[in-house]
Amino acid sequence: MRKIAILQSNYIPWKGVFDMINQVDTFVFLEDVQYTEHDWRNRNKILVGKEEKWITVPIMNSGRRGQKIYEAEINKNINWQRKHYNAFKLNYSKSKYYKDYEWILDELYLKREWTNLSELNIYSTKLISKVLGIKTEFINSVDLDAKGIKDDKVIEICKKLDATTYLSGPAGKGYIVTQKFSNNNIALEYMDYKYPEYKQIKGSFVTHGVTVLDLIFNCGENSSLYIF
């Protein structure tokens, strides 16, 4: 019995992604599919006061239409790493557990210079998974060389990994062809993103729709209690 989830890498994801990762035996980063602009691949949200604000990794898009996620290169001419580091420090330095977990920002923004978006996303996801105590195995779809698109590609990945159950996000109910999975003896499950509120800005809750670092800086070692 092996349960897997397959998802494109996101920039310092929201807590729902880590909930999904924790529920499976193997999590596959779906990196050999087309990179999409204005999506979660290269951006996420933080709280500035009580407002959600985007922080975005600049990507080299000119003349690269149709590039895969793993091919997406970061624009090195923009000093986004320092900008993002400062944004977190400015807006979270007074959070209860900021000092305990500030090292995460050091790892992401100060100790290395990123040139590839996929590598950044995968590194940050694995790093934060360790912080949350997640033991799931990670695989990059690039290493599997699965053919097909949409459901067919997912099923091919499931077969290569001998998966018996595929865990999808709730949006999958709108497009997954369930018969294809049953024909291949693969059970389908869907995420149900329901989480308790926690103290964010000045002790009040604002939103779930921000990077998981918001939760970690505010709840520290208790963060997993608000996810799993």
C-alpha atoms as a PDB file:
ATOM      1  CA  MET A   1       0.000   0.000   0.000  1.00  0.00           C
ATOM      2  CA  ARG A   2       1.473   3.310  -1.069  1.00  0.00           C
ATOM      3  CA  LYS A   3      -0.251   6.689  -1.082  1.00  0.00           C
ATOM      4  CA  ILE A   4       1.217   9.507  -3.142  1.00  0.00           C
ATOM      5  CA  ALA A   5       0.460  13.123  -3.989  1.00  0.00           C
ATOM      6  CA  ILE A   6       1.677  14.990  -7.069  1.00  0.00           C
ATOM      7  CA  LEU A   7       1.894  18.774  -7.201  1.00  0.00           C
ATOM      8  CA  GLN A   8       3.866  21.526  -8.904  1.00  0.00           C
ATOM      9  CA  SER A   9       6.382  23.150  -6.588  1.00  0.00           C
ATOM     10  CA  ASN A  10       5.280  26.419  -4.974  1.00  0.00           C
ATOM     11  CA  TYR A  11       7.252  29.302  -3.521  1.00  0.00           C
ATOM     12  CA  ILE A  12       7.331  28.918   0.299  1.00  0.00           C
ATOM     13  CA  PRO A  13       3.867  27.273   0.189  1.00  0.00           C
ATOM     14  CA  TRP A  14       0.853  27.759   2.401  1.00  0.00           C
ATOM     15  CA  LYS A  15       0.171  25.212   5.159  1.00  0.00           C
ATOM     16  CA  GLY A  16      -2.237  23.163   3.033  1.00  0.00           C
ATOM     17  CA  VAL A  17       0.644  21.885   0.923  1.00  0.00           C
ATOM     18  CA  PHE A  18       2.413  20.588   4.025  1.00  0.00           C
ATOM     19  CA  ASP A  19      -0.798  18.975   5.220  1.00  0.00           C
ATOM     20  CA  MET A  20      -0.935  17.108   1.900  1.00  0.00           C
ATOM     21  CA  ILE A  21       2.728  16.116   2.126  1.00  0.00           C
ATOM     22  CA  ASN A  22       2.235  14.752   5.636  1.00  0.00           C
ATOM     23  CA  GLN A  23      -0.681  12.556   4.549  1.00  0.00           C
ATOM     24  CA  VAL A  24       1.221  10.566   1.930  1.00  0.00           C
ATOM     25  CA  ASP A  25       4.114   8.132   1.766  1.00  0.00           C
ATOM     26  CA  THR A  26       5.653   9.846  -1.252  1.00  0.00           C
ATOM     27  CA  PHE A  27       5.260  13.397  -2.523  1.00  0.00           C
ATOM     28  CA  VAL A  28       6.128  14.098  -6.152  1.00  0.00           C
ATOM     29  CA  PHE A  29       7.119  17.575  -7.304  1.00  0.00           C
ATOM     30  CA  LEU A  30       5.535  17.887 -10.760  1.00  0.00           C
ATOM     31  CA  GLU A  31       8.267  19.908 -12.455  1.00  0.00           C
ATOM     32  CA  ASP A  32       8.238  18.662 -16.060  1.00  0.00           C
ATOM     33  CA  VAL A  33       5.014  20.476 -16.972  1.00  0.00           C
ATOM     34  CA  GLN A  34       4.545  23.978 -18.367  1.00  0.00           C
ATOM     35  CA  TYR A  35       5.465  26.888 -16.141  1.00  0.00           C
ATOM     36  CA  THR A  36       2.505  29.213 -15.568  1.00  0.00           C
ATOM     37  CA  GLU A  37       2.851  32.920 -14.888  1.00  0.00           C
ATOM     38  CA  HIS A  38       0.925  34.796 -12.181  1.00  0.00           C
ATOM     39  CA  ASP A  39       0.593  31.593 -10.197  1.00  0.00           C
ATOM     40  CA  TRP A  40       1.876  30.096  -6.931  1.00  0.00           C
ATOM     41  CA  ARG A  41       5.022  28.797  -8.640  1.00  0.00           C
ATOM     42  CA  ASN A  42       6.970  32.013  -8.094  1.00  0.00           C
ATOM     43  CA  ARG A  43       4.995  33.970  -5.528  1.00  0.00           C
ATOM     44  CA  ASN A  44       3.117  33.799  -2.252  1.00  0.00           C
ATOM     45  CA  LYS A  45       1.540  36.076   0.312  1.00  0.00           C
ATOM     46  CA  ILE A  46       2.589  37.506   3.655  1.00  0.00           C
ATOM     47  CA  LEU A  47       0.692  39.737   6.056  1.00  0.00           C
ATOM     48  CA  VAL A  48       1.547  43.414   6.052  1.00  0.00           C
ATOM     49  CA  GLY A  49      -0.477  44.812   8.907  1.00  0.00           C
ATOM     50  CA  LYS A  50      -3.796  43.075   8.341  1.00  0.00           C
ATOM     51  CA  GLU A  51      -3.499  43.003   4.562  1.00  0.00           C
ATOM     52  CA  GLU A  52      -2.278  40.166   2.351  1.00  0.00           C
ATOM     53  CA  LYS A  53       0.612  41.240   0.121  1.00  0.00           C
ATOM     54  CA  TRP A  54       2.381  39.326  -2.653  1.00  0.00           C
ATOM     55  CA  ILE A  55       6.101  38.628  -2.615  1.00  0.00           C
ATOM     56  CA  THR A  56       7.267  37.515  -6.054  1.00  0.00           C
ATOM     57  CA  VAL A  57      10.393  35.841  -7.416  1.00  0.00           C
ATOM     58  CA  PRO A  58      11.263  37.498 -10.768  1.00  0.00           C
ATOM     59  CA  ILE A  59      11.444  34.976 -13.619  1.00  0.00           C
ATOM     60  CA  MET A  60      13.107  35.226 -17.031  1.00  0.00           C
ATOM     61  CA  ASN A  61      10.096  34.892 -19.358  1.00  0.00           C
ATOM     62  CA  SER A  62      11.076  36.769 -22.510  1.00  0.00           C
ATOM     63  CA  GLY A  63      11.382  34.362 -25.436  1.00  0.00           C
ATOM     64  CA  ARG A  64      10.734  31.358 -23.182  1.00  0.00           C
ATOM     65  CA  ARG A  65       7.099  30.647 -23.839  1.00  0.00           C
ATOM     66  CA  GLY A  66       6.213  27.053 -23.052  1.00  0.00           C
ATOM     67  CA  GLN A  67       9.166  26.456 -20.738  1.00  0.00           C
ATOM     68  CA  LYS A  68       8.800  23.755 -18.115  1.00  0.00           C
ATOM     69  CA  ILE A  69       8.842  24.561 -14.400  1.00  0.00           C
ATOM     70  CA  TYR A  70      12.267  22.981 -13.940  1.00  0.00           C
ATOM     71  CA  GLU A  71      13.594  25.210 -16.741  1.00  0.00           C
ATOM     72  CA  ALA A  72      12.411  28.504 -15.223  1.00  0.00           C
ATOM     73  CA  GLU A  73      15.372  30.747 -14.442  1.00  0.00           C
ATOM     74  CA  ILE A  74      15.352  33.533 -11.882  1.00  0.00           C
ATOM     75  CA  ASN A  75      16.200  37.067 -13.004  1.00  0.00           C
ATOM     76  CA  LYS A  76      19.524  37.733 -11.288  1.00  0.00           C
ATOM     77  CA  ASN A  77      19.419  41.434 -12.166  1.00  0.00           C
ATOM     78  CA  ILE A  78      16.800  42.043  -9.470  1.00  0.00           C
ATOM     79  CA  ASN A  79      17.846  41.869  -5.810  1.00  0.00           C
ATOM     80  CA  TRP A  80      14.704  40.011  -4.771  1.00  0.00           C
ATOM     81  CA  GLN A  81      16.357  37.826  -2.094  1.00  0.00           C
ATOM     82  CA  ARG A  82      17.308  40.750   0.103  1.00  0.00           C
ATOM     83  CA  LYS A  83      13.931  42.361  -0.581  1.00  0.00           C
ATOM     84  CA  HIS A  84      12.027  39.266   0.564  1.00  0.00           C
ATOM     85  CA  TYR A  85      14.279  38.814   3.585  1.00  0.00           C
ATOM     86  CA  ASN A  86      13.633  42.404   4.626  1.00  0.00           C
ATOM     87  CA  ALA A  87       9.886  42.028   4.046  1.00  0.00           C
ATOM     88  CA  PHE A  88       9.716  39.097   6.464  1.00  0.00           C
ATOM     89  CA  LYS A  89      11.895  40.850   9.018  1.00  0.00           C
ATOM     90  CA  LEU A  90       9.899  44.076   8.856  1.00  0.00           C
ATOM     91  CA  ASN A  91       6.518  42.390   9.214  1.00  0.00           C
ATOM     92  CA  TYR A  92       7.282  39.424  11.482  1.00  0.00           C
ATOM     93  CA  SER A  93      10.183  40.436  13.738  1.00  0.00           C
ATOM     94  CA  LYS A  94       7.755  41.109  16.583  1.00  0.00           C
ATOM     95  CA  SER A  95       5.997  37.751  16.184  1.00  0.00           C
ATOM     96  CA  LYS A  96       6.327  35.464  19.193  1.00  0.00           C
ATOM     97  CA  TYR A  97       8.600  32.865  17.582  1.00  0.00           C
ATOM     98  CA  TYR A  98      10.398  34.936  14.960  1.00  0.00           C
ATOM     99  CA  LYS A  99      13.766  34.825  16.713  1.00  0.00           C
ATOM    100  CA  ASP A 100      13.568  31.046  17.086  1.00  0.00           C
ATOM    101  CA  TYR A 101      12.974  30.484  13.376  1.00  0.00           C
ATOM    102  CA  GLU A 102      14.734  33.424  11.759  1.00  0.00           C
ATOM    103  CA  TRP A 103      17.403  30.930  10.671  1.00  0.00           C
ATOM    104  CA  ILE A 104      14.984  29.683   7.999  1.00  0.00           C
ATOM    105  CA  LEU A 105      15.198  33.082   6.320  1.00  0.00           C
ATOM    106  CA  ASP A 106      18.982  32.967   6.587  1.00  0.00           C
ATOM    107  CA  GLU A 107      18.991  29.598   4.816  1.00  0.00           C
ATOM    108  CA  LEU A 108      16.660  30.767   2.062  1.00  0.00           C
ATOM    109  CA  TYR A 109      17.917  34.256   1.390  1.00  0.00           C
ATOM    110  CA  LEU A 110      21.381  34.896   2.837  1.00  0.00           C
ATOM    111  CA  LYS A 111      23.410  31.701   2.502  1.00  0.00           C
ATOM    112  CA  ARG A 112      22.915  31.023  -1.216  1.00  0.00           C
ATOM    113  CA  GLU A 113      22.104  32.779  -4.455  1.00  0.00           C
ATOM    114  CA  TRP A 114      19.279  31.156  -6.391  1.00  0.00           C
ATOM    115  CA  THR A 115      19.223  30.910 -10.177  1.00  0.00           C
ATOM    116  CA  ASN A 116      16.611  28.175 -10.718  1.00  0.00           C
ATOM    117  CA  LEU A 117      13.033  28.495  -9.429  1.00  0.00           C
ATOM    118  CA  SER A 118      12.350  24.780  -9.110  1.00  0.00           C
ATOM    119  CA  GLU A 119      15.480  24.241  -7.029  1.00  0.00           C
ATOM    120  CA  LEU A 120      14.486  27.105  -4.728  1.00  0.00           C
ATOM    121  CA  ASN A 121      10.938  25.814  -4.293  1.00  0.00           C
ATOM    122  CA  ILE A 122      11.950  22.227  -3.660  1.00  0.00           C
ATOM    123  CA  TYR A 123      14.651  23.251  -1.189  1.00  0.00           C
ATOM    124  CA  SER A 124      12.310  25.499   0.786  1.00  0.00           C
ATOM    125  CA  THR A 125       9.562  22.869   0.878  1.00  0.00           C
ATOM    126  CA  LYS A 126      11.914  20.162   2.122  1.00  0.00           C
ATOM    127  CA  LEU A 127      13.466  22.507   4.685  1.00  0.00           C
ATOM    128  CA  ILE A 128      10.125  23.555   6.138  1.00  0.00           C
ATOM    129  CA  SER A 129       8.905  19.942   6.100  1.00  0.00           C
ATOM    130  CA  LYS A 130      11.789  19.062   8.420  1.00  0.00           C
ATOM    131  CA  VAL A 131      10.859  21.953  10.707  1.00  0.00           C
ATOM    132  CA  LEU A 132       7.318  20.569  10.909  1.00  0.00           C
ATOM    133  CA  GLY A 133       8.536  17.024  11.600  1.00  0.00           C
ATOM    134  CA  ILE A 134       7.326  15.552   8.305  1.00  0.00           C
ATOM    135  CA  LYS A 135       8.986  12.249   7.281  1.00  0.00           C
ATOM    136  CA  THR A 136       7.548  11.867   3.774  1.00  0.00           C
ATOM    137  CA  GLU A 137       9.725  10.764   0.844  1.00  0.00           C
ATOM    138  CA  PHE A 138      10.222  13.355  -1.914  1.00  0.00           C
ATOM    139  CA  ILE A 139      10.664  12.662  -5.634  1.00  0.00           C
ATOM    140  CA  ASN A 140      11.064  14.988  -8.618  1.00  0.00           C
ATOM    141  CA  SER A 141       8.926  14.058 -11.630  1.00  0.00           C
ATOM    142  CA  VAL A 142      11.856  14.966 -13.890  1.00  0.00           C
ATOM    143  CA  ASP A 143      13.592  11.827 -12.615  1.00  0.00           C
ATOM    144  CA  LEU A 144      10.599   9.638 -13.498  1.00  0.00           C
ATOM    145  CA  ASP A 145      10.226  10.653 -17.166  1.00  0.00           C
ATOM    146  CA  ALA A 146       6.490   9.905 -17.141  1.00  0.00           C
ATOM    147  CA  LYS A 147       4.702  10.465 -20.446  1.00  0.00           C
ATOM    148  CA  GLY A 148       1.261  11.871 -21.198  1.00  0.00           C
ATOM    149  CA  ILE A 149      -0.637  14.882 -19.890  1.00  0.00           C
ATOM    150  CA  LYS A 150      -3.131  15.543 -17.104  1.00  0.00           C
ATOM    151  CA  ASP A 151      -4.684  12.334 -15.710  1.00  0.00           C
ATOM    152  CA  ASP A 152      -2.623  10.091 -17.976  1.00  0.00           C
ATOM    153  CA  LYS A 153       0.629  11.561 -16.681  1.00  0.00           C
ATOM    154  CA  VAL A 154      -0.518  11.276 -13.066  1.00  0.00           C
ATOM    155  CA  ILE A 155      -1.502   7.643 -13.582  1.00  0.00           C
ATOM    156  CA  GLU A 156       1.837   6.914 -15.244  1.00  0.00           C
ATOM    157  CA  ILE A 157       3.642   8.367 -12.223  1.00  0.00           C
ATOM    158  CA  CYS A 158       1.449   6.323  -9.880  1.00  0.00           C
ATOM    159  CA  LYS A 159       2.349   3.169 -11.799  1.00  0.00           C
ATOM    160  CA  LYS A 160       6.066   3.913 -11.763  1.00  0.00           C
ATOM    161  CA  LEU A 161       5.901   4.298  -7.980  1.00  0.00           C
ATOM    162  CA  ASP A 162       3.560   1.328  -7.406  1.00  0.00           C
ATOM    163  CA  ALA A 163       1.051   3.665  -5.798  1.00  0.00           C
ATOM    164  CA  THR A 164      -2.281   2.247  -4.682  1.00  0.00           C
ATOM    165  CA  THR A 165      -3.829   5.586  -3.656  1.00  0.00           C
ATOM    166  CA  TYR A 166      -3.600   9.045  -5.192  1.00  0.00           C
ATOM    167  CA  LEU A 167      -4.306  12.081  -3.003  1.00  0.00           C
ATOM    168  CA  SER A 168      -5.508  15.136  -4.922  1.00  0.00           C
ATOM    169  CA  GLY A 169      -6.367  18.673  -3.943  1.00  0.00           C
ATOM    170  CA  PRO A 170     -10.126  19.403  -3.708  1.00  0.00           C
ATOM    171  CA  ALA A 171     -10.116  21.150  -7.095  1.00  0.00           C
ATOM    172  CA  GLY A 172      -9.353  17.775  -8.653  1.00  0.00           C
ATOM    173  CA  LYS A 173     -12.999  16.792  -8.217  1.00  0.00           C
ATOM    174  CA  GLY A 174     -13.774  19.123 -11.091  1.00  0.00           C
ATOM    175  CA  TYR A 175     -11.459  17.616 -13.685  1.00  0.00           C
ATOM    176  CA  ILE A 176     -10.181  14.180 -12.673  1.00  0.00           C
ATOM    177  CA  VAL A 177     -11.678  11.322 -14.709  1.00  0.00           C
ATOM    178  CA  THR A 178     -12.255   8.853 -11.896  1.00  0.00           C
ATOM    179  CA  GLN A 179     -12.843   5.904 -14.225  1.00  0.00           C
ATOM    180  CA  LYS A 180      -9.264   6.122 -15.494  1.00  0.00           C
ATOM    181  CA  PHE A 181      -7.952   5.632 -11.971  1.00  0.00           C
ATOM    182  CA  SER A 182     -10.322   2.795 -11.113  1.00  0.00           C
ATOM    183  CA  ASN A 183      -9.361   1.072 -14.373  1.00  0.00           C
ATOM    184  CA  ASN A 184      -5.772   1.110 -13.118  1.00  0.00           C
ATOM    185  CA  ASN A 185      -6.653  -0.018  -9.576  1.00  0.00           C
ATOM    186  CA  ILE A 186      -5.695   3.317  -8.062  1.00  0.00           C
ATOM    187  CA  ALA A 187      -7.921   4.653  -5.278  1.00  0.00           C
ATOM    188  CA  LEU A 188      -8.697   8.374  -5.229  1.00  0.00           C
ATOM    189  CA  GLU A 189      -8.751  10.618  -2.170  1.00  0.00           C
ATOM    190  CA  TYR A 190      -9.187  14.383  -1.913  1.00  0.00           C
ATOM    191  CA  MET A 191      -7.845  16.955   0.517  1.00  0.00           C
ATOM    192  CA  ASP A 192     -10.246  18.856   2.748  1.00  0.00           C
ATOM    193  CA  TYR A 193      -8.578  22.079   3.799  1.00  0.00           C
ATOM    194  CA  LYS A 194     -10.093  22.996   7.164  1.00  0.00           C
ATOM    195  CA  TYR A 195      -7.829  24.536   9.780  1.00  0.00           C
ATOM    196  CA  PRO A 196      -8.209  26.181  13.186  1.00  0.00           C
ATOM    197  CA  GLU A 197      -7.501  29.880  13.504  1.00  0.00           C
ATOM    198  CA  TYR A 198      -4.364  31.104  15.256  1.00  0.00           C
ATOM    199  CA  LYS A 199      -3.066  34.417  16.540  1.00  0.00           C
ATOM    200  CA  GLN A 200      -1.518  36.466  13.751  1.00  0.00           C
ATOM    201  CA  ILE A 201      -1.251  40.248  13.801  1.00  0.00           C
ATOM    202  CA  LYS A 202      -1.650  41.734  17.299  1.00  0.00           C
ATOM    203  CA  GLY A 203      -3.242  38.552  18.578  1.00  0.00           C
ATOM    204  CA  SER A 204      -6.071  38.394  16.050  1.00  0.00           C
ATOM    205  CA  PHE A 205      -6.614  36.000  13.137  1.00  0.00           C
ATOM    206  CA  VAL A 206      -6.733  37.419   9.611  1.00  0.00           C
ATOM    207  CA  THR A 207      -6.407  34.669   6.980  1.00  0.00           C
ATOM    208  CA  HIS A 208      -5.219  31.150   6.174  1.00  0.00           C
ATOM    209  CA  GLY A 209      -4.129  32.197   2.687  1.00  0.00           C
ATOM    210  CA  VAL A 210      -0.498  33.113   3.353  1.00  0.00           C
ATOM    211  CA  THR A 211       2.839  31.308   3.376  1.00  0.00           C
ATOM    212  CA  VAL A 212       3.312  28.713   6.108  1.00  0.00           C
ATOM    213  CA  LEU A 213       6.104  30.886   7.540  1.00  0.00           C
ATOM    214  CA  ASP A 214       3.378  33.147   8.925  1.00  0.00           C
ATOM    215  CA  LEU A 215       2.172  30.223  11.037  1.00  0.00           C
ATOM    216  CA  ILE A 216       5.675  29.198  12.093  1.00  0.00           C
ATOM    217  CA  PHE A 217       6.665  32.700  13.198  1.00  0.00           C
ATOM    218  CA  ASN A 218       3.460  33.036  15.219  1.00  0.00           C
ATOM    219  CA  CYS A 219       3.087  29.521  16.640  1.00  0.00           C
ATOM    220  CA  GLY A 220       6.588  28.070  16.627  1.00  0.00           C
ATOM    221  CA  GLU A 221       6.893  24.478  17.803  1.00  0.00           C
ATOM    222  CA  ASN A 222       3.105  24.273  18.042  1.00  0.00           C
ATOM    223  CA  SER A 223       2.629  24.973  14.316  1.00  0.00           C
ATOM    224  CA  SER A 224       1.892  21.357  13.409  1.00  0.00           C
ATOM    225  CA  LEU A 225      -1.138  21.435  15.726  1.00  0.00           C
ATOM    226  CA  TYR A 226      -2.716  23.943  13.339  1.00  0.00           C
ATOM    227  CA  ILE A 227      -2.041  21.821  10.249  1.00  0.00           C
ATOM    228  CA  PHE A 228      -2.231  18.079  10.947  1.00  0.00           C
END
